[in-house]
């Protein structure tokens, strides 16, 4: 049965594949899936409007990493104390996305205001693992249905 107000069959509106549930699941699965959700939101010709609309919520809504962790990452990446490079780093992020978050800062000496984009901790390993998983799934699908080539996935 179809609910004309939503344009989706009832089992999709309330079930595991409902736009809301699927978006929440992608958010819990992490960065790679959030990026996939952003792709869905950006491809209105490929996906139903309800999914495109719901997945708009995947843009820049990731929870921020605590500032203490950001400071630790900055110290490690700079190889010296943060205070030797920046006069000030705003502890409140300007934006927090699935892969990185952005903080305002002021360069020491020049007093120039800048923006620092910091990769979230462990994101490289997460992306590699997720992309390897996607590759394996694509190979399995190709094996099960040889008519589908990996390039079409």
N, C-alpha and C. Protein backbone atom coordinates (compact mmCIF):
# COMPACT_ATOMS: atom_id res chain seq x y z
N UNK A 1 0.84 -1.19 0.00
CA UNK A 1 0.00 0.00 0.00
C UNK A 1 0.88 1.24 0.00
N UNK A 2 0.34 2.29 -0.57
CA UNK A 2 1.10 3.54 -0.67
C UNK A 2 0.37 4.64 0.06
N UNK A 3 1.09 5.40 0.84
CA UNK A 3 0.56 6.59 1.49
C UNK A 3 0.86 7.75 0.57
N UNK A 4 -0.15 8.32 -0.03
CA UNK A 4 0.06 9.35 -1.03
C UNK A 4 0.68 10.62 -0.46
N UNK A 5 0.50 10.87 0.85
CA UNK A 5 1.06 12.09 1.42
C UNK A 5 2.58 12.05 1.44
N UNK A 6 3.16 10.86 1.63
CA UNK A 6 4.61 10.75 1.67
C UNK A 6 5.17 10.26 0.34
N UNK A 7 4.34 9.64 -0.49
CA UNK A 7 4.80 9.15 -1.77
C UNK A 7 5.61 7.86 -1.69
N UNK A 8 5.68 7.26 -0.52
CA UNK A 8 6.43 6.02 -0.34
C UNK A 8 5.50 4.93 0.17
N UNK A 9 5.75 3.68 -0.18
CA UNK A 9 4.96 2.59 0.40
C UNK A 9 5.09 2.63 1.92
N UNK A 10 4.02 2.24 2.61
CA UNK A 10 3.98 2.29 4.07
C UNK A 10 5.15 1.54 4.69
N UNK A 11 5.51 0.37 4.14
CA UNK A 11 6.61 -0.40 4.73
C UNK A 11 7.94 0.34 4.65
N UNK A 12 8.07 1.23 3.68
CA UNK A 12 9.30 2.03 3.60
C UNK A 12 9.24 3.24 4.52
N UNK A 13 8.04 3.76 4.76
CA UNK A 13 7.92 4.92 5.64
C UNK A 13 8.25 4.55 7.08
N UNK A 14 7.85 3.39 7.52
CA UNK A 14 7.99 3.01 8.92
C UNK A 14 9.07 1.97 9.16
N UNK A 15 9.52 1.32 8.10
CA UNK A 15 10.45 0.21 8.26
C UNK A 15 11.91 0.64 8.27
N UNK A 16 12.76 -0.36 8.12
CA UNK A 16 14.20 -0.16 8.20
C UNK A 16 14.73 0.74 7.09
N UNK A 17 14.01 0.84 5.99
CA UNK A 17 14.48 1.66 4.88
C UNK A 17 13.83 3.03 4.82
N UNK A 18 13.14 3.43 5.88
CA UNK A 18 12.55 4.77 5.87
C UNK A 18 13.68 5.79 5.78
N UNK A 19 13.44 6.92 5.12
CA UNK A 19 14.50 7.93 4.99
C UNK A 19 15.10 8.33 6.34
N UNK A 20 14.24 8.56 7.34
CA UNK A 20 14.72 8.98 8.66
C UNK A 20 15.60 7.91 9.29
N UNK A 21 15.13 6.66 9.31
CA UNK A 21 15.88 5.58 9.94
C UNK A 21 17.21 5.35 9.23
N UNK A 22 17.17 5.36 7.91
CA UNK A 22 18.39 5.13 7.14
C UNK A 22 19.42 6.23 7.39
N UNK A 23 18.96 7.49 7.45
CA UNK A 23 19.89 8.59 7.74
C UNK A 23 20.50 8.42 9.12
N UNK A 24 19.68 8.11 10.11
CA UNK A 24 20.20 7.92 11.48
C UNK A 24 21.20 6.76 11.52
N UNK A 25 20.90 5.70 10.79
CA UNK A 25 21.82 4.56 10.72
C UNK A 25 23.15 4.99 10.10
N UNK A 26 23.10 5.71 9.00
CA UNK A 26 24.33 6.20 8.35
C UNK A 26 25.13 7.06 9.32
N UNK A 27 24.46 7.91 10.08
CA UNK A 27 25.17 8.77 11.04
C UNK A 27 25.87 7.94 12.10
N UNK A 28 25.23 6.87 12.54
CA UNK A 28 25.86 6.00 13.55
C UNK A 28 27.01 5.19 12.97
N UNK A 29 26.94 4.86 11.69
CA UNK A 29 27.99 4.06 11.06
C UNK A 29 29.26 4.87 10.79
N UNK A 30 29.14 6.18 10.76
CA UNK A 30 30.34 7.00 10.69
C UNK A 30 30.59 7.73 9.38
N UNK A 31 31.81 8.21 9.28
CA UNK A 31 32.21 9.18 8.26
C UNK A 31 31.91 8.75 6.82
N UNK A 32 32.28 7.55 6.44
CA UNK A 32 32.08 7.12 5.06
C UNK A 32 30.60 7.10 4.71
N UNK A 33 29.78 6.63 5.64
CA UNK A 33 28.34 6.55 5.39
C UNK A 33 27.70 7.94 5.40
N UNK A 34 28.23 8.83 6.21
CA UNK A 34 27.73 10.21 6.19
C UNK A 34 28.04 10.83 4.83
N UNK A 35 29.24 10.55 4.31
CA UNK A 35 29.58 11.03 2.96
C UNK A 35 28.62 10.43 1.93
N UNK A 36 28.29 9.15 2.07
CA UNK A 36 27.32 8.53 1.17
C UNK A 36 25.97 9.23 1.29
N UNK A 37 25.57 9.55 2.52
CA UNK A 37 24.33 10.29 2.74
C UNK A 37 24.37 11.66 2.07
N UNK A 38 25.52 12.31 2.10
CA UNK A 38 25.66 13.61 1.43
C UNK A 38 25.53 13.44 -0.08
N UNK A 39 26.05 12.32 -0.60
CA UNK A 39 25.89 12.04 -2.03
C UNK A 39 24.41 11.87 -2.36
N UNK A 40 23.68 11.12 -1.53
CA UNK A 40 22.24 10.93 -1.75
C UNK A 40 21.53 12.28 -1.76
N UNK A 41 21.89 13.14 -0.80
CA UNK A 41 21.27 14.46 -0.71
C UNK A 41 21.57 15.33 -1.93
N UNK A 42 22.69 15.04 -2.58
CA UNK A 42 23.13 15.86 -3.71
C UNK A 42 22.73 15.28 -5.07
N UNK A 43 21.98 14.19 -5.07
CA UNK A 43 21.65 13.52 -6.33
C UNK A 43 20.14 13.33 -6.47
N UNK A 44 19.40 14.43 -6.64
CA UNK A 44 17.94 14.32 -6.71
C UNK A 44 17.43 13.54 -7.92
N UNK A 45 18.25 13.38 -8.94
CA UNK A 45 17.79 12.60 -10.10
C UNK A 45 17.98 11.10 -9.90
N UNK A 46 18.76 10.70 -8.89
CA UNK A 46 19.03 9.28 -8.66
C UNK A 46 18.20 8.68 -7.53
N UNK A 47 17.72 9.52 -6.60
CA UNK A 47 17.06 9.01 -5.40
C UNK A 47 15.70 9.69 -5.22
N UNK A 48 14.76 8.99 -4.54
CA UNK A 48 13.45 9.60 -4.28
C UNK A 48 13.59 10.90 -3.47
N UNK A 49 12.69 11.83 -3.73
CA UNK A 49 12.74 13.15 -3.10
C UNK A 49 12.77 13.07 -1.58
N UNK A 50 12.05 12.09 -1.00
CA UNK A 50 12.00 11.97 0.46
C UNK A 50 13.38 11.66 1.03
N UNK A 51 14.16 10.85 0.30
CA UNK A 51 15.52 10.51 0.75
C UNK A 51 16.45 11.71 0.57
N UNK A 52 16.34 12.36 -0.57
CA UNK A 52 17.17 13.54 -0.83
C UNK A 52 16.94 14.59 0.25
N UNK A 53 15.68 14.83 0.58
CA UNK A 53 15.35 15.82 1.60
C UNK A 53 15.88 15.40 2.98
N UNK A 54 15.65 14.17 3.38
CA UNK A 54 16.09 13.70 4.70
C UNK A 54 17.61 13.71 4.81
N UNK A 55 18.31 13.33 3.76
CA UNK A 55 19.77 13.26 3.82
C UNK A 55 20.44 14.63 3.74
N UNK A 56 19.65 15.69 3.51
CA UNK A 56 20.21 17.05 3.64
C UNK A 56 20.75 17.25 5.05
N UNK A 57 20.18 16.52 6.00
CA UNK A 57 20.62 16.63 7.40
C UNK A 57 22.02 16.07 7.64
N UNK A 58 22.62 15.45 6.64
CA UNK A 58 23.98 14.91 6.79
C UNK A 58 25.06 15.98 6.62
N UNK A 59 24.67 17.16 6.15
CA UNK A 59 25.66 18.20 5.92
C UNK A 59 25.97 18.95 7.21
N UNK A 60 27.26 18.98 7.58
CA UNK A 60 27.78 19.79 8.69
C UNK A 60 27.01 19.66 9.99
N UNK A 61 26.57 18.45 10.32
CA UNK A 61 25.87 18.26 11.58
C UNK A 61 26.52 17.21 12.46
N UNK A 62 27.75 16.88 12.17
CA UNK A 62 28.43 15.86 12.97
C UNK A 62 28.79 16.42 14.33
N UNK A 63 28.73 15.61 15.37
CA UNK A 63 29.08 16.11 16.70
C UNK A 63 30.56 16.50 16.75
N UNK A 64 30.87 17.59 17.44
CA UNK A 64 32.27 18.04 17.49
C UNK A 64 33.13 17.17 18.40
N UNK A 65 34.40 17.13 18.07
CA UNK A 65 35.39 16.48 18.93
C UNK A 65 35.71 17.46 20.05
N UNK A 66 35.86 17.00 21.29
CA UNK A 66 36.21 17.92 22.38
C UNK A 66 37.49 18.70 22.07
N UNK A 67 37.52 19.96 22.49
CA UNK A 67 38.63 20.84 22.17
C UNK A 67 39.96 20.31 22.68
N UNK A 68 39.95 19.60 23.80
CA UNK A 68 41.20 19.03 24.33
C UNK A 68 41.83 18.08 23.32
N UNK A 69 41.01 17.30 22.62
CA UNK A 69 41.53 16.39 21.60
C UNK A 69 42.06 17.17 20.40
N UNK A 70 41.35 18.25 20.04
CA UNK A 70 41.80 19.10 18.93
C UNK A 70 43.17 19.70 19.27
N UNK A 71 43.32 20.17 20.51
CA UNK A 71 44.61 20.73 20.93
C UNK A 71 45.72 19.69 20.82
N UNK A 72 45.44 18.48 21.24
CA UNK A 72 46.42 17.40 21.17
C UNK A 72 46.83 17.12 19.73
N UNK A 73 45.86 17.08 18.83
CA UNK A 73 46.14 16.85 17.41
C UNK A 73 46.99 17.99 16.86
N UNK A 74 46.63 19.23 17.20
CA UNK A 74 47.40 20.39 16.72
C UNK A 74 48.84 20.34 17.21
N UNK A 75 49.04 20.03 18.50
CA UNK A 75 50.41 19.94 19.05
C UNK A 75 51.23 18.89 18.30
N UNK A 76 50.60 17.75 18.04
CA UNK A 76 51.30 16.66 17.35
C UNK A 76 51.64 17.07 15.92
N UNK A 77 50.68 17.65 15.21
CA UNK A 77 50.89 18.03 13.81
C UNK A 77 51.90 19.17 13.67
N UNK A 78 51.84 20.14 14.59
CA UNK A 78 52.76 21.28 14.53
C UNK A 78 54.17 20.88 14.98
N UNK A 79 54.26 19.91 15.86
CA UNK A 79 55.55 19.52 16.39
C UNK A 79 56.14 20.52 17.37
N UNK A 80 55.31 21.42 17.83
CA UNK A 80 55.73 22.43 18.82
C UNK A 80 54.49 22.94 19.52
N UNK A 81 54.67 23.73 20.58
CA UNK A 81 53.49 24.23 21.31
C UNK A 81 52.58 25.08 20.41
N UNK A 82 51.29 24.92 20.59
CA UNK A 82 50.31 25.67 19.80
C UNK A 82 50.55 27.17 19.94
N UNK A 83 50.91 27.60 21.16
CA UNK A 83 51.10 29.03 21.45
C UNK A 83 52.26 29.63 20.66
N UNK A 84 53.15 28.79 20.14
CA UNK A 84 54.27 29.32 19.35
C UNK A 84 53.83 29.68 17.92
N UNK A 85 52.67 29.18 17.50
CA UNK A 85 52.16 29.45 16.16
C UNK A 85 50.93 30.35 16.20
N UNK A 86 50.04 30.07 17.14
CA UNK A 86 48.77 30.80 17.22
C UNK A 86 48.68 31.58 18.52
N UNK A 87 48.26 32.82 18.41
CA UNK A 87 48.02 33.62 19.61
C UNK A 87 46.77 33.10 20.32
N UNK A 88 45.81 32.66 19.50
CA UNK A 88 44.52 32.24 20.06
C UNK A 88 43.89 31.22 19.12
N UNK A 89 43.30 30.18 19.68
CA UNK A 89 42.49 29.23 18.92
C UNK A 89 41.14 29.15 19.62
N UNK A 90 40.08 29.46 18.88
CA UNK A 90 38.73 29.44 19.46
C UNK A 90 38.35 28.00 19.80
N UNK A 91 38.01 27.72 21.06
CA UNK A 91 37.64 26.35 21.43
C UNK A 91 36.30 25.88 20.85
N UNK A 92 35.46 26.82 20.43
CA UNK A 92 34.17 26.46 19.84
C UNK A 92 34.33 26.34 18.33
N UNK A 93 34.06 25.15 17.77
CA UNK A 93 34.24 25.00 16.32
C UNK A 93 33.27 25.85 15.52
N UNK A 94 33.75 26.35 14.39
CA UNK A 94 32.88 27.06 13.45
C UNK A 94 31.98 26.07 12.74
N UNK A 95 32.51 24.87 12.51
CA UNK A 95 31.75 23.80 11.85
C UNK A 95 32.35 22.46 12.25
N UNK A 96 31.49 21.45 12.26
CA UNK A 96 31.95 20.09 12.54
C UNK A 96 31.27 19.16 11.55
N UNK A 97 32.07 18.55 10.69
CA UNK A 97 31.54 17.63 9.69
C UNK A 97 32.01 16.21 10.00
N UNK A 98 31.76 15.30 9.09
CA UNK A 98 32.06 13.89 9.35
C UNK A 98 33.55 13.59 9.42
N UNK A 99 34.36 14.34 8.71
CA UNK A 99 35.78 14.03 8.60
C UNK A 99 36.65 15.02 9.35
N UNK A 100 36.21 16.25 9.46
CA UNK A 100 37.04 17.28 10.10
C UNK A 100 36.15 18.30 10.79
N UNK A 101 36.80 19.14 11.59
CA UNK A 101 36.09 20.29 12.13
C UNK A 101 36.97 21.51 11.98
N UNK A 102 36.34 22.67 12.03
CA UNK A 102 37.01 23.93 11.72
C UNK A 102 36.96 24.86 12.93
N UNK A 103 38.12 25.45 13.23
CA UNK A 103 38.22 26.41 14.34
C UNK A 103 38.82 27.71 13.83
N UNK A 104 38.35 28.82 14.36
CA UNK A 104 38.96 30.11 14.10
C UNK A 104 40.21 30.26 14.95
N UNK A 105 41.19 31.00 14.45
CA UNK A 105 42.43 31.21 15.20
C UNK A 105 43.05 32.53 14.77
N UNK A 106 44.05 32.96 15.54
CA UNK A 106 44.82 34.16 15.20
C UNK A 106 46.30 33.78 15.21
N UNK A 107 46.98 34.09 14.10
CA UNK A 107 48.40 33.79 14.00
C UNK A 107 49.20 34.66 14.95
N UNK A 108 50.20 34.07 15.56
CA UNK A 108 51.08 34.81 16.46
C UNK A 108 51.97 35.71 15.61
N UNK A 109 52.16 36.92 16.05
CA UNK A 109 53.03 37.86 15.35
C UNK A 109 52.28 38.74 14.37
N UNK A 110 51.66 38.14 13.35
CA UNK A 110 51.00 38.94 12.31
C UNK A 110 49.61 39.42 12.72
N UNK A 111 49.04 38.81 13.75
CA UNK A 111 47.68 39.11 14.20
C UNK A 111 46.63 38.81 13.12
N UNK A 112 47.00 38.00 12.15
CA UNK A 112 46.07 37.64 11.08
C UNK A 112 45.10 36.57 11.57
N UNK A 113 43.81 36.79 11.32
CA UNK A 113 42.79 35.79 11.66
C UNK A 113 42.78 34.72 10.58
N UNK A 114 42.78 33.47 11.01
CA UNK A 114 42.81 32.34 10.08
C UNK A 114 41.79 31.29 10.51
N UNK A 115 41.61 30.31 9.67
CA UNK A 115 40.74 29.18 9.97
C UNK A 115 41.59 27.92 9.91
N UNK A 116 41.43 27.05 10.91
CA UNK A 116 42.18 25.80 10.98
C UNK A 116 41.19 24.65 10.77
N UNK A 117 41.49 23.79 9.80
CA UNK A 117 40.67 22.60 9.56
C UNK A 117 41.44 21.41 10.12
N UNK A 118 40.86 20.73 11.09
CA UNK A 118 41.54 19.63 11.79
C UNK A 118 40.80 18.32 11.50
N UNK A 119 41.55 17.34 10.98
CA UNK A 119 40.95 16.02 10.77
C UNK A 119 40.59 15.41 12.12
N UNK A 120 39.46 14.74 12.16
CA UNK A 120 39.04 14.09 13.40
C UNK A 120 39.96 12.91 13.71
N UNK A 121 40.16 12.61 14.99
CA UNK A 121 41.10 11.54 15.36
C UNK A 121 40.70 10.19 14.77
N UNK A 122 41.69 9.51 14.19
CA UNK A 122 41.47 8.17 13.66
C UNK A 122 40.71 8.11 12.35
N UNK A 123 40.41 9.25 11.74
CA UNK A 123 39.54 9.26 10.56
C UNK A 123 40.18 8.53 9.38
N UNK A 124 41.50 8.62 9.24
CA UNK A 124 42.15 7.94 8.11
C UNK A 124 41.92 6.43 8.18
N UNK A 125 42.11 5.85 9.36
CA UNK A 125 41.90 4.41 9.53
C UNK A 125 40.45 4.01 9.28
N UNK A 126 39.53 4.85 9.75
CA UNK A 126 38.10 4.57 9.57
C UNK A 126 37.75 4.58 8.09
N UNK A 127 38.23 5.60 7.37
CA UNK A 127 37.92 5.69 5.94
C UNK A 127 38.51 4.52 5.16
N UNK A 128 39.75 4.15 5.47
CA UNK A 128 40.37 3.01 4.79
C UNK A 128 39.57 1.73 5.04
N UNK A 129 39.21 1.49 6.29
CA UNK A 129 38.43 0.28 6.62
C UNK A 129 37.08 0.29 5.92
N UNK A 130 36.39 1.44 5.96
CA UNK A 130 35.07 1.53 5.32
C UNK A 130 35.17 1.33 3.81
N UNK A 131 36.16 1.95 3.18
CA UNK A 131 36.30 1.81 1.72
C UNK A 131 36.71 0.39 1.34
N UNK A 132 37.53 -0.25 2.15
CA UNK A 132 37.86 -1.66 1.90
C UNK A 132 36.61 -2.52 1.99
N UNK A 133 35.75 -2.23 2.96
CA UNK A 133 34.50 -2.97 3.11
C UNK A 133 33.62 -2.77 1.87
N UNK A 134 33.50 -1.53 1.41
CA UNK A 134 32.69 -1.24 0.23
C UNK A 134 33.25 -2.00 -0.98
N UNK A 135 34.57 -2.04 -1.11
CA UNK A 135 35.20 -2.77 -2.22
C UNK A 135 34.85 -4.26 -2.16
N UNK A 136 34.95 -4.85 -0.97
CA UNK A 136 34.64 -6.27 -0.81
C UNK A 136 33.17 -6.54 -1.16
N UNK A 137 32.28 -5.69 -0.69
CA UNK A 137 30.85 -5.85 -1.01
C UNK A 137 30.64 -5.75 -2.52
N UNK A 138 31.31 -4.81 -3.16
CA UNK A 138 31.17 -4.67 -4.62
C UNK A 138 31.66 -5.93 -5.33
N UNK A 139 32.76 -6.52 -4.86
CA UNK A 139 33.28 -7.75 -5.47
C UNK A 139 32.29 -8.91 -5.26
N UNK A 140 31.69 -8.99 -4.09
CA UNK A 140 30.71 -10.05 -3.82
C UNK A 140 29.51 -9.89 -4.74
N UNK A 141 29.03 -8.66 -4.87
CA UNK A 141 27.88 -8.41 -5.75
C UNK A 141 28.23 -8.77 -7.18
N UNK A 142 29.43 -8.41 -7.60
CA UNK A 142 29.88 -8.74 -8.95
C UNK A 142 29.96 -10.27 -9.14
N UNK A 143 30.45 -10.97 -8.13
CA UNK A 143 30.54 -12.43 -8.20
C UNK A 143 29.15 -13.06 -8.30
N UNK A 144 28.22 -12.56 -7.49
CA UNK A 144 26.86 -13.10 -7.48
C UNK A 144 26.10 -12.77 -8.75
N UNK A 145 26.42 -11.63 -9.35
CA UNK A 145 25.75 -11.21 -10.57
C UNK A 145 26.81 -10.68 -11.54
N UNK A 146 27.41 -11.55 -12.35
CA UNK A 146 28.50 -11.14 -13.24
C UNK A 146 28.11 -10.06 -14.26
N UNK A 147 26.82 -9.87 -14.47
CA UNK A 147 26.39 -8.83 -15.42
C UNK A 147 26.67 -7.43 -14.88
N UNK A 148 26.86 -7.34 -13.57
CA UNK A 148 27.16 -6.04 -12.96
C UNK A 148 28.67 -5.90 -12.89
N UNK A 149 29.19 -4.87 -13.48
CA UNK A 149 30.64 -4.66 -13.38
C UNK A 149 30.92 -3.71 -12.22
N UNK A 150 32.12 -3.80 -11.66
CA UNK A 150 32.49 -2.92 -10.54
C UNK A 150 32.40 -1.46 -10.94
N UNK A 151 32.69 -1.17 -12.20
CA UNK A 151 32.66 0.23 -12.61
C UNK A 151 31.25 0.81 -12.55
N UNK A 152 30.24 -0.05 -12.65
CA UNK A 152 28.88 0.47 -12.56
C UNK A 152 28.42 0.63 -11.13
N UNK A 153 29.15 0.02 -10.18
CA UNK A 153 28.82 0.16 -8.77
C UNK A 153 29.44 1.42 -8.27
